[in-house]
């Protein structure tokens, strides 16, 4: 009995040590409903365009130079 348990433990450890971890694939793509647009005529025009099309304008996106 002790031999069987020992053999089971050793086989389990060896099987786990030999298998390589695989990267998890994403089953379903993730989409976002947020986007940014460039409106050269200013924030008031951006507000009007967003309202005409049923969107909310959350303001200007800050861009940081690296």
Protein backbone atom coordinates (compact mmCIF):
# COMPACT_ATOMS: atom_id res chain seq x y z
CA UNK A 1 0.00 0.00 0.00
CA UNK A 2 2.76 2.47 0.89
CA UNK A 3 4.49 1.60 -2.39
CA UNK A 4 1.37 2.46 -4.39
CA UNK A 5 0.90 5.80 -2.64
CA UNK A 6 4.58 6.66 -3.09
CA UNK A 7 4.43 5.67 -6.76
CA UNK A 8 1.32 7.79 -7.26
CA UNK A 9 2.94 10.84 -5.64
CA UNK A 10 6.15 10.42 -7.66
CA UNK A 11 4.25 10.01 -10.94
CA UNK A 12 2.13 13.06 -10.19
CA UNK A 13 5.18 15.18 -9.42
CA UNK A 14 7.01 14.00 -12.52
CA UNK A 15 4.02 14.64 -14.75
CA UNK A 16 3.67 18.17 -13.37
CA UNK A 17 7.37 18.88 -13.74
CA UNK A 18 7.47 17.74 -17.37
CA UNK A 19 4.44 19.67 -18.59
CA UNK A 20 5.16 23.18 -19.84
CA UNK A 21 2.78 25.96 -18.89
CA UNK A 22 0.85 27.24 -21.90
CA UNK A 23 -0.34 30.80 -22.30
CA UNK A 24 -4.05 31.09 -21.78
CA UNK A 25 -5.92 31.98 -24.88
CA UNK A 26 -8.75 34.44 -24.64
CA UNK A 27 -11.96 32.64 -25.61
CA UNK A 28 -13.84 35.79 -26.58
CA UNK A 29 -12.37 39.07 -27.88
CA UNK A 30 -12.85 42.09 -25.64
CA UNK A 31 -14.33 45.18 -27.25
CA UNK A 32 -14.68 48.65 -25.79
CA UNK A 33 -17.38 51.17 -26.56
CA UNK A 34 -15.09 54.11 -25.84
CA UNK A 35 -13.13 55.98 -28.47
CA UNK A 36 -11.46 59.32 -29.07
CA UNK A 37 -11.87 61.68 -32.02
CA UNK A 38 -10.04 64.84 -33.04
CA UNK A 39 -12.27 67.91 -33.33
CA UNK A 40 -10.12 70.87 -34.39
CA UNK A 41 -12.84 73.48 -33.83
CA UNK A 42 -12.95 73.03 -30.06
CA UNK A 43 -14.82 71.47 -27.17
CA UNK A 44 -18.15 73.23 -27.81
CA UNK A 45 -18.32 71.72 -31.30
CA UNK A 46 -17.32 68.34 -29.87
CA UNK A 47 -20.19 68.60 -27.37
CA UNK A 48 -22.65 69.41 -30.14
CA UNK A 49 -21.48 66.56 -32.37
CA UNK A 50 -21.65 64.08 -29.49
CA UNK A 51 -25.15 65.21 -28.55
CA UNK A 52 -26.38 64.99 -32.17
CA UNK A 53 -25.28 61.37 -32.35
CA UNK A 54 -26.39 60.27 -28.89
CA UNK A 55 -22.97 60.15 -27.23
CA UNK A 56 -21.51 61.73 -24.11
CA UNK A 57 -18.42 63.89 -24.45
CA UNK A 58 -16.10 63.19 -21.52
CA UNK A 59 -13.69 65.97 -22.42
CA UNK A 60 -10.24 66.18 -23.86
CA UNK A 61 -7.84 63.28 -23.68
CA UNK A 62 -4.53 64.25 -22.15
CA UNK A 63 -1.47 63.28 -24.13
CA UNK A 64 1.84 62.89 -22.36
CA UNK A 65 5.12 63.12 -24.27
CA UNK A 66 7.52 60.40 -23.25
